[in-house]
C-alpha atoms as a PDB file:
ATOM      1  CA  MET A   1      -0.227  -0.186   0.056  1.00  0.00           C
ATOM      2  CA  GLU A   2       1.496   3.316  -0.851  1.00  0.00           C
ATOM      3  CA  LEU A   3       1.351   5.826   2.051  1.00  0.00           C
ATOM      4  CA  ASN A   4       2.848   8.700   0.173  1.00  0.00           C
ATOM      5  CA  LEU A   5       4.723  10.106   3.672  1.00  0.00           C
ATOM      6  CA  ALA A   6       8.084  10.532   1.822  1.00  0.00           C
ATOM      7  CA  GLY A   7       9.243  14.089   2.421  1.00  0.00           C
ATOM      8  CA  LYS A   8       7.295  14.650   5.751  1.00  0.00           C
ATOM      9  CA  VAL A   9       8.459  15.998   9.181  1.00  0.00           C
ATOM     10  CA  ALA A  10       7.626  14.052  12.268  1.00  0.00           C
ATOM     11  CA  ILE A  11       7.638  14.316  16.014  1.00  0.00           C
ATOM     12  CA  VAL A  12       7.676  11.445  18.001  1.00  0.00           C
ATOM     13  CA  THR A  13       7.893  11.790  21.724  1.00  0.00           C
ATOM     14  CA  GLY A  14       9.214   9.085  23.782  1.00  0.00           C
ATOM     15  CA  GLY A  15      10.975   7.976  20.805  1.00  0.00           C
ATOM     16  CA  SER A  16      14.041   6.255  22.206  1.00  0.00           C
ATOM     17  CA  ALA A  17      12.470   3.008  22.868  1.00  0.00           C
ATOM     18  CA  GLY A  18       9.493   0.755  22.862  1.00  0.00           C
ATOM     19  CA  ILE A  19       6.580   1.846  20.839  1.00  0.00           C
ATOM     20  CA  GLY A  20       7.828   5.089  20.087  1.00  0.00           C
ATOM     21  CA  LEU A  21      11.282   3.984  18.760  1.00  0.00           C
ATOM     22  CA  ALA A  22       9.194   1.332  16.586  1.00  0.00           C
ATOM     23  CA  CYS A  23       6.994   4.487  15.117  1.00  0.00           C
ATOM     24  CA  ALA A  24      10.029   6.592  14.417  1.00  0.00           C
ATOM     25  CA  ARG A  25      11.781   3.370  12.703  1.00  0.00           C
ATOM     26  CA  ALA A  26       8.393   3.032  10.625  1.00  0.00           C
ATOM     27  CA  LEU A  27       8.405   6.391   9.785  1.00  0.00           C
ATOM     28  CA  TYR A  28      11.863   6.774   8.573  1.00  0.00           C
ATOM     29  CA  GLY A  29      11.482   3.990   6.579  1.00  0.00           C
ATOM     30  CA  GLU A  30       8.721   5.680   4.562  1.00  0.00           C
ATOM     31  CA  GLY A  31      10.848   8.600   4.007  1.00  0.00           C
ATOM     32  CA  VAL A  32       9.840  10.867   6.766  1.00  0.00           C
ATOM     33  CA  SER A  33      12.349  12.894   8.596  1.00  0.00           C
ATOM     34  CA  VAL A  34      11.881  12.345  12.187  1.00  0.00           C
ATOM     35  CA  VAL A  35      12.503  13.935  15.440  1.00  0.00           C
ATOM     36  CA  ILE A  36      12.660  11.638  18.004  1.00  0.00           C
ATOM     37  CA  VAL A  37      12.078  13.096  22.152  1.00  0.00           C
ATOM     38  CA  GLY A  38      13.290  11.391  24.973  1.00  0.00           C
ATOM     39  CA  ARG A  39      14.582  12.162  28.328  1.00  0.00           C
ATOM     40  CA  ASP A  40      17.775   9.782  28.871  1.00  0.00           C
ATOM     41  CA  PRO A  41      20.357  11.360  26.725  1.00  0.00           C
ATOM     42  CA  ALA A  42      22.036   7.841  26.516  1.00  0.00           C
ATOM     43  CA  ARG A  43      19.360   5.872  25.430  1.00  0.00           C
ATOM     44  CA  LEU A  44      18.252   8.706  22.897  1.00  0.00           C
ATOM     45  CA  ALA A  45      21.838   8.500  21.508  1.00  0.00           C
ATOM     46  CA  GLY A  46      21.359   5.011  21.152  1.00  0.00           C
ATOM     47  CA  ALA A  47      18.103   5.509  19.281  1.00  0.00           C
ATOM     48  CA  GLU A  48      19.447   7.659  17.068  1.00  0.00           C
ATOM     49  CA  ALA A  49      22.368   5.671  16.016  1.00  0.00           C
ATOM     50  CA  SER A  50      20.173   2.507  15.439  1.00  0.00           C
ATOM     51  CA  LEU A  51      17.998   4.901  12.917  1.00  0.00           C
ATOM     52  CA  ARG A  52      20.841   6.039  11.271  1.00  0.00           C
ATOM     53  CA  ASN A  53      21.858   2.119  10.637  1.00  0.00           C
ATOM     54  CA  LEU A  54      18.941   1.959   8.920  1.00  0.00           C
ATOM     55  CA  THR A  55      18.074   2.355   4.711  1.00  0.00           C
ATOM     56  CA  PRO A  56      15.070   4.380   4.001  1.00  0.00           C
ATOM     57  CA  GLU A  57      13.290   2.598   1.462  1.00  0.00           C
ATOM     58  CA  LYS A  58      11.847   6.046   0.045  1.00  0.00           C
ATOM     59  CA  GLY A  59      13.289   9.670  -0.105  1.00  0.00           C
ATOM     60  CA  ALA A  60      16.265  10.874   1.911  1.00  0.00           C
ATOM     61  CA  PRO A  61      15.073  11.755   5.566  1.00  0.00           C
ATOM     62  CA  GLN A  62      16.949  13.300   8.063  1.00  0.00           C
ATOM     63  CA  ILE A  63      16.966  12.362  11.760  1.00  0.00           C
ATOM     64  CA  LEU A  64      16.916  14.917  14.743  1.00  0.00           C
ATOM     65  CA  ALA A  65      17.158  13.714  18.417  1.00  0.00           C
ATOM     66  CA  LEU A  66      16.436  16.185  21.323  1.00  0.00           C
ATOM     67  CA  GLN A  67      16.412  15.580  24.868  1.00  0.00           C
ATOM     68  CA  ALA A  68      13.445  16.603  26.577  1.00  0.00           C
ATOM     69  CA  ASP A  69      10.532  16.020  29.353  1.00  0.00           C
ATOM     70  CA  THR A  70       7.271  16.245  28.420  1.00  0.00           C
ATOM     71  CA  SER A  71       6.508  17.612  31.914  1.00  0.00           C
ATOM     72  CA  LYS A  72       8.075  21.011  31.470  1.00  0.00           C
ATOM     73  CA  ALA A  73       5.826  23.161  29.171  1.00  0.00           C
ATOM     74  CA  GLU A  74       9.138  24.925  28.198  1.00  0.00           C
ATOM     75  CA  ASP A  75      10.699  21.559  27.037  1.00  0.00           C
ATOM     76  CA  THR A  76       7.630  21.043  24.522  1.00  0.00           C
ATOM     77  CA  GLU A  77       7.857  24.421  23.289  1.00  0.00           C
ATOM     78  CA  ARG A  78      11.492  24.084  22.257  1.00  0.00           C
ATOM     79  CA  VAL A  79      11.394  20.699  20.644  1.00  0.00           C
ATOM     80  CA  VAL A  80       8.690  22.377  18.616  1.00  0.00           C
ATOM     81  CA  ALA A  81      10.575  25.538  17.842  1.00  0.00           C
ATOM     82  CA  GLU A  82      13.687  23.684  16.800  1.00  0.00           C
ATOM     83  CA  THR A  83      11.867  21.652  14.399  1.00  0.00           C
ATOM     84  CA  ILE A  84      10.236  24.046  12.639  1.00  0.00           C
ATOM     85  CA  ALA A  85      13.895  25.864  12.790  1.00  0.00           C
ATOM     86  CA  ARG A  86      15.273  22.803  11.234  1.00  0.00           C
ATOM     87  CA  PHE A  87      12.745  21.659   8.794  1.00  0.00           C
ATOM     88  CA  GLY A  88      10.312  24.429   8.773  1.00  0.00           C
ATOM     89  CA  ARG A  89       7.335  22.181   9.461  1.00  0.00           C
ATOM     90  CA  VAL A  90       5.398  19.610  11.407  1.00  0.00           C
ATOM     91  CA  ASP A  91       3.158  17.265   9.783  1.00  0.00           C
ATOM     92  CA  ILE A  92       2.856  14.511  12.120  1.00  0.00           C
ATOM     93  CA  LEU A  93       2.897  14.271  15.665  1.00  0.00           C
ATOM     94  CA  VAL A  94       3.164  11.057  17.454  1.00  0.00           C
ATOM     95  CA  ASN A  95       2.357  11.338  21.298  1.00  0.00           C
ATOM     96  CA  ASN A  96       4.117   8.358  22.918  1.00  0.00           C
ATOM     97  CA  ALA A  97       6.222   9.696  26.113  1.00  0.00           C
ATOM     98  CA  GLY A  98       4.587   8.730  29.474  1.00  0.00           C
ATOM     99  CA  SER A  99       5.072   6.387  32.552  1.00  0.00           C
ATOM    100  CA  ALA A 100       2.943   5.476  35.320  1.00  0.00           C
ATOM    101  CA  PRO A 101       3.512   3.305  38.399  1.00  0.00           C
ATOM    102  CA  ALA A 102       1.661   0.171  38.926  1.00  0.00           C
ATOM    103  CA  GLY A 103       0.835  -0.399  42.674  1.00  0.00           C
ATOM    104  CA  SER A 104      -1.833  -1.093  45.291  1.00  0.00           C
ATOM    105  CA  PHE A 105      -4.217   2.022  45.314  1.00  0.00           C
ATOM    106  CA  LEU A 106      -4.380   2.688  49.083  1.00  0.00           C
ATOM    107  CA  ASP A 107      -0.283   2.806  49.013  1.00  0.00           C
ATOM    108  CA  LEU A 108       0.037   5.082  46.184  1.00  0.00           C
ATOM    109  CA  PRO A 109       0.681   8.751  47.163  1.00  0.00           C
ATOM    110  CA  ASP A 110      -1.346  11.825  45.467  1.00  0.00           C
ATOM    111  CA  GLN A 111       2.116  12.357  43.833  1.00  0.00           C
ATOM    112  CA  ALA A 112       2.022   9.467  41.797  1.00  0.00           C
ATOM    113  CA  PHE A 113      -0.904  10.411  39.847  1.00  0.00           C
ATOM    114  CA  LEU A 114       0.185  13.821  39.655  1.00  0.00           C
ATOM    115  CA  ASP A 115       3.461  12.990  37.772  1.00  0.00           C
ATOM    116  CA  THR A 116       1.720  10.408  35.753  1.00  0.00           C
ATOM    117  CA  TRP A 117      -1.086  13.137  34.873  1.00  0.00           C
ATOM    118  CA  ASN A 118       1.627  15.898  34.597  1.00  0.00           C
ATOM    119  CA  THR A 119       3.920  13.548  31.998  1.00  0.00           C
ATOM    120  CA  LYS A 120       1.405  11.806  30.075  1.00  0.00           C
ATOM    121  CA  LEU A 121      -1.929  13.753  30.011  1.00  0.00           C
ATOM    122  CA  LEU A 122      -0.821  17.132  30.174  1.00  0.00           C
ATOM    123  CA  GLY A 123       2.271  16.251  27.902  1.00  0.00           C
ATOM    124  CA  TYR A 124       0.213  14.940  25.316  1.00  0.00           C
ATOM    125  CA  ILE A 125      -2.062  18.238  25.597  1.00  0.00           C
ATOM    126  CA  ARG A 126       0.977  20.482  25.309  1.00  0.00           C
ATOM    127  CA  PHE A 127       2.372  18.912  22.213  1.00  0.00           C
ATOM    128  CA  VAL A 128      -1.086  19.244  20.487  1.00  0.00           C
ATOM    129  CA  ARG A 129      -1.366  22.858  21.590  1.00  0.00           C
ATOM    130  CA  ALA A 130       2.451  23.465  20.598  1.00  0.00           C
ATOM    131  CA  VAL A 131       1.962  21.833  16.972  1.00  0.00           C
ATOM    132  CA  ALA A 132      -1.537  22.539  16.146  1.00  0.00           C
ATOM    133  CA  PRO A 133      -0.798  26.512  15.219  1.00  0.00           C
ATOM    134  CA  HIS A 134       1.477  25.087  12.736  1.00  0.00           C
ATOM    135  CA  MET A 135      -0.289  22.540  11.216  1.00  0.00           C
ATOM    136  CA  ILE A 136      -3.801  24.838  11.179  1.00  0.00           C
ATOM    137  CA  ALA A 137      -1.845  27.516   9.046  1.00  0.00           C
ATOM    138  CA  ARG A 138      -0.768  24.620   6.689  1.00  0.00           C
ATOM    139  CA  LYS A 139      -4.429  23.447   6.457  1.00  0.00           C
ATOM    140  CA  SER A 140      -3.138  19.923   6.995  1.00  0.00           C
ATOM    141  CA  GLY A 141      -1.700  17.620   9.771  1.00  0.00           C
ATOM    142  CA  ALA A 142      -2.244  14.109  11.315  1.00  0.00           C
ATOM    143  CA  ILE A 143      -1.617  13.310  15.188  1.00  0.00           C
ATOM    144  CA  VAL A 144      -1.607  10.069  16.811  1.00  0.00           C
ATOM    145  CA  ASN A 145      -1.860   9.701  20.542  1.00  0.00           C
ATOM    146  CA  ILE A 146      -0.682   6.282  21.868  1.00  0.00           C
ATOM    147  CA  VAL A 147      -2.974   5.762  24.883  1.00  0.00           C
ATOM    148  CA  GLY A 148      -3.436   2.469  26.232  1.00  0.00           C
ATOM    149  CA  GLY A 149      -5.917  -0.117  26.931  1.00  0.00           C
ATOM    150  CA  ALA A 150      -6.398   0.857  30.243  1.00  0.00           C
ATOM    151  CA  SER A 151      -8.449   3.668  29.143  1.00  0.00           C
ATOM    152  CA  ARG A 152     -11.531   1.215  28.829  1.00  0.00           C
ATOM    153  CA  THR A 153     -10.488  -2.061  30.909  1.00  0.00           C
ATOM    154  CA  PRO A 154      -8.769  -0.259  34.231  1.00  0.00           C
ATOM    155  CA  SER A 155      -6.732  -2.610  36.504  1.00  0.00           C
ATOM    156  CA  ALA A 156      -6.990  -1.850  40.357  1.00  0.00           C
ATOM    157  CA  THR A 157      -3.188  -1.847  40.402  1.00  0.00           C
ATOM    158  CA  PHE A 158      -2.666   0.795  37.408  1.00  0.00           C
ATOM    159  CA  LEU A 159      -5.131   3.567  38.205  1.00  0.00           C
ATOM    160  CA  THR A 160      -2.456   6.151  37.557  1.00  0.00           C
ATOM    161  CA  GLY A 161      -2.241   5.080  34.001  1.00  0.00           C
ATOM    162  CA  SER A 162      -5.959   3.938  33.358  1.00  0.00           C
ATOM    163  CA  THR A 163      -7.042   7.507  34.482  1.00  0.00           C
ATOM    164  CA  ALA A 164      -4.831   9.411  32.339  1.00  0.00           C
ATOM    165  CA  ASN A 165      -5.655   6.849  29.440  1.00  0.00           C
ATOM    166  CA  ALA A 166      -9.382   7.508  29.954  1.00  0.00           C
ATOM    167  CA  ALA A 167      -8.856  11.152  30.071  1.00  0.00           C
ATOM    168  CA  LEU A 168      -6.880  11.451  27.108  1.00  0.00           C
ATOM    169  CA  VAL A 169      -9.305   9.457  24.817  1.00  0.00           C
ATOM    170  CA  ASN A 170     -11.600  12.010  26.233  1.00  0.00           C
ATOM    171  CA  PHE A 171      -9.600  14.765  24.969  1.00  0.00           C
ATOM    172  CA  THR A 172      -8.750  13.094  21.647  1.00  0.00           C
ATOM    173  CA  ARG A 173     -12.364  12.803  20.607  1.00  0.00           C
ATOM    174  CA  GLY A 174     -13.028  16.412  22.184  1.00  0.00           C
ATOM    175  CA  ILE A 175     -10.416  18.193  20.003  1.00  0.00           C
ATOM    176  CA  SER A 176     -10.733  16.390  16.830  1.00  0.00           C
ATOM    177  CA  LYS A 177     -14.129  18.368  16.452  1.00  0.00           C
ATOM    178  CA  GLU A 178     -12.090  21.682  16.517  1.00  0.00           C
ATOM    179  CA  LEU A 179      -9.157  20.640  14.496  1.00  0.00           C
ATOM    180  CA  ALA A 180     -11.154  19.170  11.701  1.00  0.00           C
ATOM    181  CA  HIS A 181     -12.228  22.527  10.622  1.00  0.00           C
ATOM    182  CA  HIS A 182      -8.610  23.126   9.524  1.00  0.00           C
ATOM    183  CA  ASN A 183      -8.036  19.583   8.116  1.00  0.00           C
ATOM    184  CA  VAL A 184      -6.258  18.286  11.071  1.00  0.00           C
ATOM    185  CA  ARG A 185      -6.687  14.966  12.400  1.00  0.00           C
ATOM    186  CA  ILE A 186      -5.937  13.473  15.617  1.00  0.00           C
ATOM    187  CA  ASN A 187      -6.657   9.675  16.465  1.00  0.00           C
ATOM    188  CA  ALA A 188      -5.809   7.824  19.482  1.00  0.00           C
ATOM    189  CA  ILE A 189      -4.463   4.153  19.534  1.00  0.00           C
ATOM    190  CA  SER A 190      -4.567   2.112  22.555  1.00  0.00           C
ATOM    191  CA  PRO A 191      -2.418  -1.131  22.743  1.00  0.00           C
ATOM    192  CA  GLY A 192      -3.048  -3.740  25.193  1.00  0.00           C
ATOM    193  CA  SER A 193      -0.219  -5.663  26.771  1.00  0.00           C
ATOM    194  CA  THR A 194       3.006  -4.871  24.471  1.00  0.00           C
ATOM    195  CA  ALA A 195       6.366  -6.365  24.358  1.00  0.00           C
ATOM    196  CA  THR A 196       8.597  -3.679  25.729  1.00  0.00           C
ATOM    197  CA  GLU A 197      10.883  -3.007  28.412  1.00  0.00           C
ATOM    198  CA  ARG A 198       8.389  -1.239  30.114  1.00  0.00           C
ATOM    199  CA  ALA A 199       5.813  -4.235  30.222  1.00  0.00           C
ATOM    200  CA  GLU A 200       8.568  -6.183  32.203  1.00  0.00           C
ATOM    201  CA  ARG A 201       8.876  -3.104  34.865  1.00  0.00           C
ATOM    202  CA  LEU A 202       5.062  -3.046  35.154  1.00  0.00           C
ATOM    203  CA  ALA A 203       4.965  -6.664  35.306  1.00  0.00           C
ATOM    204  CA  GLU A 204       7.199  -6.594  38.442  1.00  0.00           C
ATOM    205  CA  GLN A 205       5.389  -3.602  40.122  1.00  0.00           C
ATOM    206  CA  ASN A 206       1.766  -5.658  39.440  1.00  0.00           C
ATOM    207  CA  ALA A 207       2.992  -8.962  40.827  1.00  0.00           C
ATOM    208  CA  GLN A 208       4.427  -7.019  44.163  1.00  0.00           C
ATOM    209  CA  ALA A 209       1.080  -5.183  44.662  1.00  0.00           C
ATOM    210  CA  ARG A 210      -1.156  -8.405  44.290  1.00  0.00           C
ATOM    211  CA  GLY A 211       1.037 -10.543  46.242  1.00  0.00           C
ATOM    212  CA  VAL A 212       2.116 -13.070  43.245  1.00  0.00           C
ATOM    213  CA  SER A 213       5.132 -13.889  41.424  1.00  0.00           C
ATOM    214  CA  VAL A 214       5.933 -12.241  38.398  1.00  0.00           C
ATOM    215  CA  GLU A 215       5.740 -15.472  36.541  1.00  0.00           C
ATOM    216  CA  GLU A 216       1.980 -15.940  37.960  1.00  0.00           C
ATOM    217  CA  PHE A 217       1.103 -12.613  36.861  1.00  0.00           C
ATOM    218  CA  LYS A 218       2.501 -13.009  33.261  1.00  0.00           C
ATOM    219  CA  ALA A 219       0.599 -16.179  33.126  1.00  0.00           C
ATOM    220  CA  GLU A 220      -2.850 -14.896  33.968  1.00  0.00           C
ATOM    221  CA  ASN A 221      -2.274 -11.909  31.675  1.00  0.00           C
ATOM    222  CA  ALA A 222      -1.598 -14.478  28.658  1.00  0.00           C
ATOM    223  CA  ARG A 223      -4.793 -16.194  29.536  1.00  0.00           C
ATOM    224  CA  ASN A 224      -6.503 -12.898  29.175  1.00  0.00           C
ATOM    225  CA  ILE A 225      -5.379 -12.353  25.849  1.00  0.00           C
ATOM    226  CA  PRO A 226      -7.909 -14.600  23.350  1.00  0.00           C
ATOM    227  CA  LEU A 227      -5.288 -14.532  20.604  1.00  0.00           C
ATOM    228  CA  GLY A 228      -2.640 -15.496  23.269  1.00  0.00           C
ATOM    229  CA  HIS A 229       0.173 -13.433  22.638  1.00  0.00           C
ATOM    230  CA  MET A 230       1.468  -9.814  23.349  1.00  0.00           C
ATOM    231  CA  VAL A 231       1.375  -7.085  20.891  1.00  0.00           C
ATOM    232  CA  ASP A 232       4.587  -6.219  18.826  1.00  0.00           C
ATOM    233  CA  PRO A 233       5.280  -2.524  18.611  1.00  0.00           C
ATOM    234  CA  ASP A 234       5.928  -2.971  15.096  1.00  0.00           C
ATOM    235  CA  GLU A 235       1.855  -3.390  15.103  1.00  0.00           C
ATOM    236  CA  ILE A 236       1.326  -0.189  16.798  1.00  0.00           C
ATOM    237  CA  ALA A 237       3.674   1.370  14.306  1.00  0.00           C
ATOM    238  CA  ALA A 238       1.950  -0.215  11.174  1.00  0.00           C
ATOM    239  CA  MET A 239      -1.417   1.298  12.432  1.00  0.00           C
ATOM    240  CA  THR A 240       0.173   4.686  13.279  1.00  0.00           C
ATOM    241  CA  LEU A 241       1.537   4.885   9.543  1.00  0.00           C
ATOM    242  CA  LEU A 242      -1.651   4.297   8.203  1.00  0.00           C
ATOM    243  CA  LEU A 243      -3.834   6.933  10.740  1.00  0.00           C
ATOM    244  CA  VAL A 244      -0.864   9.847   9.600  1.00  0.00           C
ATOM    245  CA  SER A 245      -1.447   8.910   5.935  1.00  0.00           C
ATOM    246  CA  GLU A 246      -3.929  10.007   3.461  1.00  0.00           C
ATOM    247  CA  ARG A 247      -5.232   6.552   3.176  1.00  0.00           C
ATOM    248  CA  SER A 248      -6.956   7.484   6.519  1.00  0.00           C
ATOM    249  CA  ARG A 249      -8.223  10.938   5.417  1.00  0.00           C
ATOM    250  CA  SER A 250     -11.739  10.798   6.592  1.00  0.00           C
ATOM    251  CA  ILE A 251     -10.525   9.008  10.007  1.00  0.00           C
ATOM    252  CA  THR A 252     -10.790  11.485  13.167  1.00  0.00           C
ATOM    253  CA  GLY A 253     -11.343  11.353  16.652  1.00  0.00           C
ATOM    254  CA  ILE A 254     -11.560   7.465  17.014  1.00  0.00           C
ATOM    255  CA  GLU A 255      -9.421   5.558  19.245  1.00  0.00           C
ATOM    256  CA  ILE A 256      -8.463   1.835  17.989  1.00  0.00           C
ATOM    257  CA  LEU A 257      -7.626  -0.934  20.337  1.00  0.00           C
ATOM    258  CA  ILE A 258      -4.967  -3.408  19.396  1.00  0.00           C
ATOM    259  CA  ASP A 259      -4.991  -5.900  22.204  1.00  0.00           C
ATOM    260  CA  GLY A 260      -5.228  -9.216  21.003  1.00  0.00           C
ATOM    261  CA  GLY A 261      -8.982  -9.004  21.509  1.00  0.00           C
ATOM    262  CA  ALA A 262      -8.428  -8.792  25.439  1.00  0.00           C
ATOM    263  CA  ALA A 263     -11.158  -5.711  25.790  1.00  0.00           C
ATOM    264  CA  PRO A 264     -14.092  -7.390  27.237  1.00  0.00           C
ATOM    265  CA  GLY A 265     -16.751  -5.286  25.719  1.00  0.00           C
ATOM    266  CA  ILE A 266     -17.329  -2.511  22.855  1.00  0.00           C
END
């Protein structure tokens, strides 16, 4: 399927590992110049090096790695300003940065919720607010918010993340109506359990909160996935490519679940 993305410019937050890096890799392969954003300088440098080792299938895209913390408004503004200064435009935004601790609700302090909401919920909102004026001026743009299946199916031991995710689905649907008037589209992808380093850390935290072994938690988690396997980050990246392309030009304000059939209802 020809996606016609070559020559475009994308910002990918949380682009130094996991789903974010998979999205950056997929975009770069399609000829998109990619700005990867991450907090850890060493991990960011490694991600940049791995991308530079790739041979894009189309075009002659560039890579720009920027260290930034999405919980800080000034970092968000700097990333967008540097992207505009370097490339003159932003065509695509993939919001992916964010982390949330798992744990027993009664043991989690207010700060655990506040940190999660500030980094992920407000972090996504900040980036949309920062790139939207540039997209509106060009009458073109596509945004994908990587949210999470916990937005629909919350767990008692992951309420920091599930509350942020539910709010992001609400935000995505709401802001889509305003952006649509300017031919700017925004959609959400909610992955289920995905094979990333972060999933390993969450498994350890969830197991501890529930008083079971990590192996027991993983086995129970696998039983709850009808297709019987975790999501591959490349599956999320493939859907992201489709959503930011003109192949999906009539799709906005939706949430797509990629969870192996784990969600119990519509």
